[in-house]
C-alpha atoms as a PDB file:
ATOM      1  CA  MET A   1      25.580   3.586   5.472  1.00  0.00           C
ATOM      2  CA  ASN A   2      22.411   4.854   3.833  1.00  0.00           C
ATOM      3  CA  LEU A   3      19.450   3.353   5.695  1.00  0.00           C
ATOM      4  CA  ASP A   4      16.886   5.257   3.576  1.00  0.00           C
ATOM      5  CA  LEU A   5      13.453   4.856   5.166  1.00  0.00           C
ATOM      6  CA  LYS A   6      11.666   7.081   2.673  1.00  0.00           C
ATOM      7  CA  ASN A   7       8.216   5.757   1.781  1.00  0.00           C
ATOM      8  CA  LYS A   8       8.186   3.781   5.025  1.00  0.00           C
ATOM      9  CA  THR A   9       5.596   4.362   7.760  1.00  0.00           C
ATOM     10  CA  ALA A  10       6.496   3.646  11.380  1.00  0.00           C
ATOM     11  CA  ILE A  11       4.516   3.546  14.598  1.00  0.00           C
ATOM     12  CA  VAL A  12       6.599   4.666  17.577  1.00  0.00           C
ATOM     13  CA  CYS A  13       5.119   4.122  21.044  1.00  0.00           C
ATOM     14  CA  GLY A  14       6.098   6.186  24.066  1.00  0.00           C
ATOM     15  CA  ALA A  15       7.370   8.727  21.584  1.00  0.00           C
ATOM     16  CA  THR A  16       7.289  11.985  23.544  1.00  0.00           C
ATOM     17  CA  GLN A  17      10.359  11.476  25.712  1.00  0.00           C
ATOM     18  CA  GLY A  18      13.464   9.435  26.405  1.00  0.00           C
ATOM     19  CA  ILE A  19      14.270   6.480  24.196  1.00  0.00           C
ATOM     20  CA  GLY A  20      10.972   6.686  22.317  1.00  0.00           C
ATOM     21  CA  PHE A  21      11.585  10.271  21.248  1.00  0.00           C
ATOM     22  CA  GLY A  22      15.176   9.482  20.284  1.00  0.00           C
ATOM     23  CA  ILE A  23      13.960   6.670  18.035  1.00  0.00           C
ATOM     24  CA  ALA A  24      11.297   8.890  16.474  1.00  0.00           C
ATOM     25  CA  ARG A  25      13.905  11.557  15.752  1.00  0.00           C
ATOM     26  CA  GLU A  26      16.268   9.122  14.016  1.00  0.00           C
ATOM     27  CA  LEU A  27      13.543   7.475  11.944  1.00  0.00           C
ATOM     28  CA  ALA A  28      12.345  10.900  10.814  1.00  0.00           C
ATOM     29  CA  ILE A  29      15.885  11.888   9.812  1.00  0.00           C
ATOM     30  CA  GLU A  30      16.020   8.783   7.605  1.00  0.00           C
ATOM     31  CA  GLY A  31      12.786   9.855   5.908  1.00  0.00           C
ATOM     32  CA  ALA A  32      10.138   7.696   7.573  1.00  0.00           C
ATOM     33  CA  SER A  33       6.602   8.960   8.116  1.00  0.00           C
ATOM     34  CA  LEU A  34       5.673   8.494  11.768  1.00  0.00           C
ATOM     35  CA  ILE A  35       2.558   7.683  13.744  1.00  0.00           C
ATOM     36  CA  LEU A  36       3.451   8.606  17.306  1.00  0.00           C
ATOM     37  CA  ILE A  37       1.586   7.103  20.247  1.00  0.00           C
ATOM     38  CA  ALA A  38       1.555   8.447  23.802  1.00  0.00           C
ATOM     39  CA  ARG A  39      -0.968   9.668  26.358  1.00  0.00           C
ATOM     40  CA  ASN A  40      -0.227  13.415  26.413  1.00  0.00           C
ATOM     41  CA  LYS A  41      -1.672  15.316  23.435  1.00  0.00           C
ATOM     42  CA  ALA A  42       0.280  18.525  24.064  1.00  0.00           C
ATOM     43  CA  LYS A  43       3.579  16.640  24.207  1.00  0.00           C
ATOM     44  CA  LEU A  44       2.710  14.698  21.053  1.00  0.00           C
ATOM     45  CA  THR A  45       1.984  17.932  19.202  1.00  0.00           C
ATOM     46  CA  ASN A  46       5.258  19.492  20.329  1.00  0.00           C
ATOM     47  CA  CYS A  47       7.160  16.330  19.496  1.00  0.00           C
ATOM     48  CA  ILE A  48       5.943  16.365  15.905  1.00  0.00           C
ATOM     49  CA  LYS A  49       6.887  20.036  15.514  1.00  0.00           C
ATOM     50  CA  SER A  50      10.455  19.225  16.566  1.00  0.00           C
ATOM     51  CA  LEU A  51      10.958  16.378  14.070  1.00  0.00           C
ATOM     52  CA  ASP A  52      12.319  16.566  10.534  1.00  0.00           C
ATOM     53  CA  PHE A  53       9.495  16.870   7.962  1.00  0.00           C
ATOM     54  CA  PRO A  54       6.745  17.457  10.573  1.00  0.00           C
ATOM     55  CA  GLU A  55       4.076  17.513   7.858  1.00  0.00           C
ATOM     56  CA  ARG A  56       4.631  13.771   7.329  1.00  0.00           C
ATOM     57  CA  HIS A  57       3.800  12.776  10.884  1.00  0.00           C
ATOM     58  CA  SER A  58       0.653  12.198  12.913  1.00  0.00           C
ATOM     59  CA  PHE A  59      -0.264  10.837  16.330  1.00  0.00           C
ATOM     60  CA  ILE A  60      -2.714   8.740  18.326  1.00  0.00           C
ATOM     61  CA  CYS A  61      -3.283   9.902  21.906  1.00  0.00           C
ATOM     62  CA  VAL A  62      -4.079   6.929  24.167  1.00  0.00           C
ATOM     63  CA  ASP A  63      -3.132   5.542  27.572  1.00  0.00           C
ATOM     64  CA  PHE A  64      -1.442   2.119  27.469  1.00  0.00           C
ATOM     65  CA  SER A  65      -2.795   1.258  30.909  1.00  0.00           C
ATOM     66  CA  LYS A  66      -6.166   0.960  29.124  1.00  0.00           C
ATOM     67  CA  PRO A  67      -5.774  -1.598  26.298  1.00  0.00           C
ATOM     68  CA  LYS A  68      -9.358  -1.084  25.106  1.00  0.00           C
ATOM     69  CA  GLU A  69      -8.598   2.618  24.646  1.00  0.00           C
ATOM     70  CA  LEU A  70      -5.581   1.702  22.509  1.00  0.00           C
ATOM     71  CA  GLU A  71      -7.666  -0.702  20.448  1.00  0.00           C
ATOM     72  CA  LEU A  72     -10.329   1.945  19.814  1.00  0.00           C
ATOM     73  CA  GLY A  73      -7.744   4.621  19.025  1.00  0.00           C
ATOM     74  CA  LEU A  74      -6.068   2.401  16.440  1.00  0.00           C
ATOM     75  CA  LYS A  75      -9.412   1.413  14.923  1.00  0.00           C
ATOM     76  CA  ASN A  76     -10.498   5.030  14.537  1.00  0.00           C
ATOM     77  CA  TYR A  77      -7.144   6.093  13.099  1.00  0.00           C
ATOM     78  CA  PHE A  78      -6.889   3.357  10.491  1.00  0.00           C
ATOM     79  CA  GLU A  79     -10.496   3.741   9.431  1.00  0.00           C
ATOM     80  CA  LYS A  80      -9.727   7.386   8.578  1.00  0.00           C
ATOM     81  CA  ASN A  81      -6.219   6.753   7.235  1.00  0.00           C
ATOM     82  CA  LYS A  82      -5.808   3.757   4.959  1.00  0.00           C
ATOM     83  CA  THR A  83      -2.139   3.549   5.865  1.00  0.00           C
ATOM     84  CA  LEU A  84      -0.009   0.415   5.738  1.00  0.00           C
ATOM     85  CA  VAL A  85       2.628   0.302   8.461  1.00  0.00           C
ATOM     86  CA  HIS A  86       6.125  -1.007   7.698  1.00  0.00           C
ATOM     87  CA  ILE A  87       7.699  -0.571  11.147  1.00  0.00           C
ATOM     88  CA  LEU A  88       6.341  -0.975  14.675  1.00  0.00           C
ATOM     89  CA  ILE A  89       8.367   0.164  17.679  1.00  0.00           C
ATOM     90  CA  ASN A  90       6.862  -1.205  20.898  1.00  0.00           C
ATOM     91  CA  ASN A  91       8.144   0.999  23.704  1.00  0.00           C
ATOM     92  CA  THR A  92       6.439   1.571  27.055  1.00  0.00           C
ATOM     93  CA  GLY A  93       7.653   2.871  30.402  1.00  0.00           C
ATOM     94  CA  GLY A  94       8.610   0.118  32.813  1.00  0.00           C
ATOM     95  CA  PRO A  95       6.757  -0.940  35.967  1.00  0.00           C
ATOM     96  CA  LYS A  96       7.764   0.651  39.248  1.00  0.00           C
ATOM     97  CA  SER A  97      10.634  -0.854  41.181  1.00  0.00           C
ATOM     98  CA  GLY A  98      10.385  -3.071  44.244  1.00  0.00           C
ATOM     99  CA  PRO A  99      10.910  -6.676  45.373  1.00  0.00           C
ATOM    100  CA  ILE A 100       8.701  -9.257  43.711  1.00  0.00           C
ATOM    101  CA  GLU A 101       7.324 -10.670  46.969  1.00  0.00           C
ATOM    102  CA  ALA A 102       5.894  -7.253  47.845  1.00  0.00           C
ATOM    103  CA  ALA A 103       4.255  -6.683  44.445  1.00  0.00           C
ATOM    104  CA  THR A 104       0.468  -6.606  44.277  1.00  0.00           C
ATOM    105  CA  ILE A 105      -1.707  -8.500  41.839  1.00  0.00           C
ATOM    106  CA  ALA A 106      -2.866  -5.134  40.470  1.00  0.00           C
ATOM    107  CA  GLU A 107       0.747  -4.179  39.654  1.00  0.00           C
ATOM    108  CA  PHE A 108       1.247  -7.408  37.714  1.00  0.00           C
ATOM    109  CA  LYS A 109      -2.034  -6.977  35.832  1.00  0.00           C
ATOM    110  CA  ASN A 110      -1.282  -3.371  34.916  1.00  0.00           C
ATOM    111  CA  ALA A 111       2.211  -4.242  33.681  1.00  0.00           C
ATOM    112  CA  PHE A 112       0.858  -7.184  31.672  1.00  0.00           C
ATOM    113  CA  ASN A 113      -1.752  -4.910  30.089  1.00  0.00           C
ATOM    114  CA  MET A 114       0.742  -2.182  29.192  1.00  0.00           C
ATOM    115  CA  HIS A 115       3.418  -4.424  27.755  1.00  0.00           C
ATOM    116  CA  VAL A 116       2.103  -7.784  26.589  1.00  0.00           C
ATOM    117  CA  LEU A 117      -1.503  -6.980  25.709  1.00  0.00           C
ATOM    118  CA  CYS A 118      -0.756  -3.619  24.088  1.00  0.00           C
ATOM    119  CA  ASN A 119       2.040  -5.173  22.019  1.00  0.00           C
ATOM    120  CA  GLN A 120      -0.391  -7.849  20.868  1.00  0.00           C
ATOM    121  CA  ILE A 121      -3.076  -5.281  19.994  1.00  0.00           C
ATOM    122  CA  LEU A 122      -0.641  -3.151  17.998  1.00  0.00           C
ATOM    123  CA  THR A 123       0.750  -6.161  16.171  1.00  0.00           C
ATOM    124  CA  SER A 124      -2.715  -7.401  15.225  1.00  0.00           C
ATOM    125  CA  PHE A 125      -3.390  -4.052  13.535  1.00  0.00           C
ATOM    126  CA  VAL A 126      -0.166  -3.806  11.524  1.00  0.00           C
ATOM    127  CA  VAL A 127       0.727  -7.381  10.549  1.00  0.00           C
ATOM    128  CA  PRO A 128      -1.944  -7.823   7.840  1.00  0.00           C
ATOM    129  CA  GLY A 129      -0.541  -4.770   6.046  1.00  0.00           C
ATOM    130  CA  MET A 130       3.034  -5.951   6.516  1.00  0.00           C
ATOM    131  CA  LYS A 131       2.092  -9.256   4.892  1.00  0.00           C
ATOM    132  CA  LYS A 132       0.677  -7.373   1.882  1.00  0.00           C
ATOM    133  CA  LEU A 133       3.823  -5.274   1.656  1.00  0.00           C
ATOM    134  CA  GLY A 134       6.166  -8.237   2.032  1.00  0.00           C
ATOM    135  CA  TYR A 135       8.073  -6.070   4.503  1.00  0.00           C
ATOM    136  CA  GLY A 136       7.768  -5.683   8.244  1.00  0.00           C
ATOM    137  CA  ARG A 137       9.887  -4.698  11.218  1.00  0.00           C
ATOM    138  CA  ILE A 138       8.626  -5.176  14.759  1.00  0.00           C
ATOM    139  CA  ILE A 139      11.100  -3.955  17.369  1.00  0.00           C
ATOM    140  CA  ASN A 140      10.470  -4.188  21.092  1.00  0.00           C
ATOM    141  CA  ILE A 141      12.323  -1.997  23.563  1.00  0.00           C
ATOM    142  CA  ILE A 142      12.566  -4.102  26.718  1.00  0.00           C
ATOM    143  CA  SER A 143      15.434  -4.627  29.170  1.00  0.00           C
ATOM    144  CA  THR A 144      18.644  -6.516  29.862  1.00  0.00           C
ATOM    145  CA  SER A 145      16.659  -8.212  32.631  1.00  0.00           C
ATOM    146  CA  VAL A 146      15.497 -10.799  30.083  1.00  0.00           C
ATOM    147  CA  LYS A 147      19.068 -12.130  30.233  1.00  0.00           C
ATOM    148  CA  VAL A 148      19.975 -11.385  33.853  1.00  0.00           C
ATOM    149  CA  PRO A 149      17.167 -10.340  36.245  1.00  0.00           C
ATOM    150  CA  ILE A 150      17.811  -6.961  37.860  1.00  0.00           C
ATOM    151  CA  PRO A 151      17.571  -6.811  41.680  1.00  0.00           C
ATOM    152  CA  GLY A 152      14.672  -4.710  42.907  1.00  0.00           C
ATOM    153  CA  LEU A 153      12.696  -4.882  39.662  1.00  0.00           C
ATOM    154  CA  GLY A 154      10.510  -7.898  40.370  1.00  0.00           C
ATOM    155  CA  VAL A 155       7.458  -7.032  38.275  1.00  0.00           C
ATOM    156  CA  SER A 156       9.564  -5.616  35.450  1.00  0.00           C
ATOM    157  CA  ASN A 157      11.788  -8.720  35.309  1.00  0.00           C
ATOM    158  CA  THR A 158       8.692 -10.910  35.026  1.00  0.00           C
ATOM    159  CA  ILE A 159       6.855  -8.898  32.387  1.00  0.00           C
ATOM    160  CA  ARG A 160       9.930  -8.115  30.286  1.00  0.00           C
ATOM    161  CA  GLY A 161      10.635 -11.840  30.128  1.00  0.00           C
ATOM    162  CA  ALA A 162       7.094 -12.448  28.903  1.00  0.00           C
ATOM    163  CA  VAL A 163       7.554  -9.854  26.155  1.00  0.00           C
ATOM    164  CA  ALA A 164      10.829 -11.460  25.056  1.00  0.00           C
ATOM    165  CA  ASN A 165       9.198 -14.868  24.634  1.00  0.00           C
ATOM    166  CA  TRP A 166       6.159 -13.325  22.947  1.00  0.00           C
ATOM    167  CA  SER A 167       8.577 -11.689  20.524  1.00  0.00           C
ATOM    168  CA  LYS A 168      10.510 -14.866  19.731  1.00  0.00           C
ATOM    169  CA  THR A 169       7.270 -16.725  19.075  1.00  0.00           C
ATOM    170  CA  MET A 170       6.095 -13.926  16.785  1.00  0.00           C
ATOM    171  CA  ALA A 171       9.420 -13.954  14.919  1.00  0.00           C
ATOM    172  CA  ASN A 172       9.057 -17.682  14.247  1.00  0.00           C
ATOM    173  CA  GLU A 173       5.498 -17.301  12.979  1.00  0.00           C
ATOM    174  CA  LEU A 174       5.983 -14.214  10.809  1.00  0.00           C
ATOM    175  CA  GLY A 175       9.361 -14.899   9.243  1.00  0.00           C
ATOM    176  CA  GLU A 176       7.943 -16.465   6.085  1.00  0.00           C
ATOM    177  CA  PHE A 177       6.247 -13.135   5.316  1.00  0.00           C
ATOM    178  CA  GLN A 178       9.582 -11.239   5.478  1.00  0.00           C
ATOM    179  CA  ILE A 179       8.582  -9.686   8.794  1.00  0.00           C
ATOM    180  CA  THR A 180      11.381  -9.537  11.349  1.00  0.00           C
ATOM    181  CA  VAL A 181      10.821  -9.283  15.100  1.00  0.00           C
ATOM    182  CA  ASN A 182      13.654  -8.280  17.433  1.00  0.00           C
ATOM    183  CA  ASN A 183      14.219  -7.024  20.952  1.00  0.00           C
ATOM    184  CA  ILE A 184      16.482  -4.193  22.033  1.00  0.00           C
ATOM    185  CA  LEU A 185      17.718  -4.436  25.624  1.00  0.00           C
ATOM    186  CA  PRO A 186      18.882  -1.016  26.831  1.00  0.00           C
ATOM    187  CA  GLY A 187      21.216  -0.833  29.798  1.00  0.00           C
ATOM    188  CA  TYR A 188      21.584   2.254  31.966  1.00  0.00           C
ATOM    189  CA  THR A 189      20.493   5.024  29.597  1.00  0.00           C
ATOM    190  CA  ASN A 190      20.446   8.764  30.229  1.00  0.00           C
ATOM    191  CA  THR A 191      16.683   9.337  30.630  1.00  0.00           C
ATOM    192  CA  SER A 192      14.384  10.838  33.243  1.00  0.00           C
ATOM    193  CA  ARG A 193      13.543   7.302  34.395  1.00  0.00           C
ATOM    194  CA  LEU A 194      17.221   6.650  35.152  1.00  0.00           C
ATOM    195  CA  SER A 195      17.456   9.936  37.044  1.00  0.00           C
ATOM    196  CA  SER A 196      14.474   8.879  39.165  1.00  0.00           C
ATOM    197  CA  LEU A 197      16.109   5.517  39.824  1.00  0.00           C
ATOM    198  CA  PHE A 198      19.337   7.214  40.924  1.00  0.00           C
ATOM    199  CA  GLU A 199      17.381   9.450  43.296  1.00  0.00           C
ATOM    200  CA  LYS A 200      15.631   6.459  44.833  1.00  0.00           C
ATOM    201  CA  MET A 201      18.929   4.600  45.214  1.00  0.00           C
ATOM    202  CA  SER A 202      20.464   7.722  46.731  1.00  0.00           C
ATOM    203  CA  LYS A 203      17.875   7.794  49.502  1.00  0.00           C
ATOM    204  CA  SER A 204      17.993   4.074  50.230  1.00  0.00           C
ATOM    205  CA  GLN A 205      21.810   3.896  50.233  1.00  0.00           C
ATOM    206  CA  GLN A 206      22.365   7.315  51.842  1.00  0.00           C
ATOM    207  CA  LYS A 207      24.721   8.405  49.067  1.00  0.00           C
ATOM    208  CA  THR A 208      24.625  11.335  46.672  1.00  0.00           C
ATOM    209  CA  THR A 209      23.194  10.780  43.205  1.00  0.00           C
ATOM    210  CA  GLN A 210      26.640  11.522  41.795  1.00  0.00           C
ATOM    211  CA  GLU A 211      28.138   8.733  43.926  1.00  0.00           C
ATOM    212  CA  ILE A 212      25.411   6.387  42.745  1.00  0.00           C
ATOM    213  CA  LYS A 213      26.129   7.307  39.129  1.00  0.00           C
ATOM    214  CA  GLU A 214      29.866   6.828  39.539  1.00  0.00           C
ATOM    215  CA  ASN A 215      29.356   3.405  41.126  1.00  0.00           C
ATOM    216  CA  ILE A 216      27.083   2.366  38.267  1.00  0.00           C
ATOM    217  CA  ILE A 217      29.602   3.513  35.666  1.00  0.00           C
ATOM    218  CA  LYS A 218      32.231   1.305  37.300  1.00  0.00           C
ATOM    219  CA  THR A 219      30.088  -1.747  36.446  1.00  0.00           C
ATOM    220  CA  VAL A 220      29.991  -0.866  32.734  1.00  0.00           C
ATOM    221  CA  PRO A 221      32.982  -2.029  30.645  1.00  0.00           C
ATOM    222  CA  LEU A 222      32.721   1.049  28.407  1.00  0.00           C
ATOM    223  CA  LYS A 223      32.754   3.254  31.537  1.00  0.00           C
ATOM    224  CA  ARG A 224      29.853   5.516  30.691  1.00  0.00           C
ATOM    225  CA  ILE A 225      26.097   5.765  30.892  1.00  0.00           C
ATOM    226  CA  GLY A 226      24.361   5.109  27.577  1.00  0.00           C
ATOM    227  CA  GLU A 227      22.709   7.860  25.573  1.00  0.00           C
ATOM    228  CA  VAL A 228      19.319   7.705  23.898  1.00  0.00           C
ATOM    229  CA  ASP A 229      21.011   7.858  20.480  1.00  0.00           C
ATOM    230  CA  ASP A 230      22.937   4.668  21.256  1.00  0.00           C
ATOM    231  CA  VAL A 231      19.604   2.853  21.274  1.00  0.00           C
ATOM    232  CA  ALA A 232      18.016   4.869  18.466  1.00  0.00           C
ATOM    233  CA  HIS A 233      20.824   4.081  16.019  1.00  0.00           C
ATOM    234  CA  ILE A 234      20.511   0.295  16.310  1.00  0.00           C
ATOM    235  CA  VAL A 235      16.712   0.529  16.126  1.00  0.00           C
ATOM    236  CA  THR A 236      16.984   2.559  12.917  1.00  0.00           C
ATOM    237  CA  PHE A 237      19.331  -0.018  11.412  1.00  0.00           C
ATOM    238  CA  LEU A 238      16.990  -2.878  12.322  1.00  0.00           C
ATOM    239  CA  SER A 239      14.129  -0.949  10.712  1.00  0.00           C
ATOM    240  CA  SER A 240      15.923  -0.829   7.369  1.00  0.00           C
ATOM    241  CA  LYS A 241      16.397  -3.233   4.469  1.00  0.00           C
ATOM    242  CA  LYS A 242      20.006  -3.688   5.603  1.00  0.00           C
ATOM    243  CA  ALA A 243      18.778  -5.791   8.550  1.00  0.00           C
ATOM    244  CA  SER A 244      16.546  -8.129   6.544  1.00  0.00           C
ATOM    245  CA  TYR A 245      18.226 -11.322   7.837  1.00  0.00           C
ATOM    246  CA  ILE A 246      18.200 -10.456  11.536  1.00  0.00           C
ATOM    247  CA  SER A 247      15.195 -11.764  13.433  1.00  0.00           C
ATOM    248  CA  GLY A 248      14.216 -13.345  16.730  1.00  0.00           C
ATOM    249  CA  VAL A 249      17.142 -11.985  18.736  1.00  0.00           C
ATOM    250  CA  ASN A 250      17.770  -9.973  21.896  1.00  0.00           C
ATOM    251  CA  ILE A 251      20.347  -7.219  21.378  1.00  0.00           C
ATOM    252  CA  PRO A 252      21.756  -5.598  24.522  1.00  0.00           C
ATOM    253  CA  VAL A 253      22.741  -1.941  24.172  1.00  0.00           C
ATOM    254  CA  ASP A 254      24.403  -1.638  27.551  1.00  0.00           C
ATOM    255  CA  GLY A 255      28.108  -0.931  27.127  1.00  0.00           C
ATOM    256  CA  GLY A 256      28.911  -4.608  27.745  1.00  0.00           C
ATOM    257  CA  ARG A 257      27.440  -4.673  31.268  1.00  0.00           C
ATOM    258  CA  THR A 258      25.152  -7.714  30.958  1.00  0.00           C
ATOM    259  CA  GLY A 259      26.816 -10.727  32.558  1.00  0.00           C
ATOM    260  CA  SER A 260      25.937 -13.206  29.810  1.00  0.00           C
ATOM    261  CA  LEU A 261      26.242 -13.658  26.059  1.00  0.00           C
END
């Protein structure tokens, strides 16, 4: 299937590693011009060099824990570059693990800022252009916890659920402008974050990381850990014209692990 994203511009958040980088790589392969957003300038520069057609891509270096910094960074960028954005990939690292009753107010506020407020800021910048274009794709990378809360991820479960409902509301409001809004729910995916989680579980359960991994794989019907490309491929499809009638849905990419439809 030819997804052909030539002449399309996409913002990819959290683009220097893991799922974000995998998405950026696939969108670039399909011909999209990318605006990468992350907080490490050196990594952003190296990321662009490693993508297909690096001359097409640019970046905004900001920290999502500071929404005002994101707002200013976007303002400065779009004042200099009169670019209309076709695709927005909202992707931010999840809050730290832990039971919800032990979470601090500061942890909730920081997570809300990074996920809900930053998504809203980004959307407010790109939607007017999408309306002019008559084409828009907003894709949020969240978590299967919006369907079944994950034990030990109290703050994440709460904030991811907020993002999912924000997304559905946005899909309802923007549909008439041919702007689709969808959520991707990755399961266990081979990233540095998953490795850190396995290490933490290893210490708490007094098992090796390999034992932890094997036990996790047993819970997945497809009997493997997901790869970044598994997520990137569905995101690329949703970004294309081929997915023009898909909006307002949560799509798990988890090997069938989620215990609900």
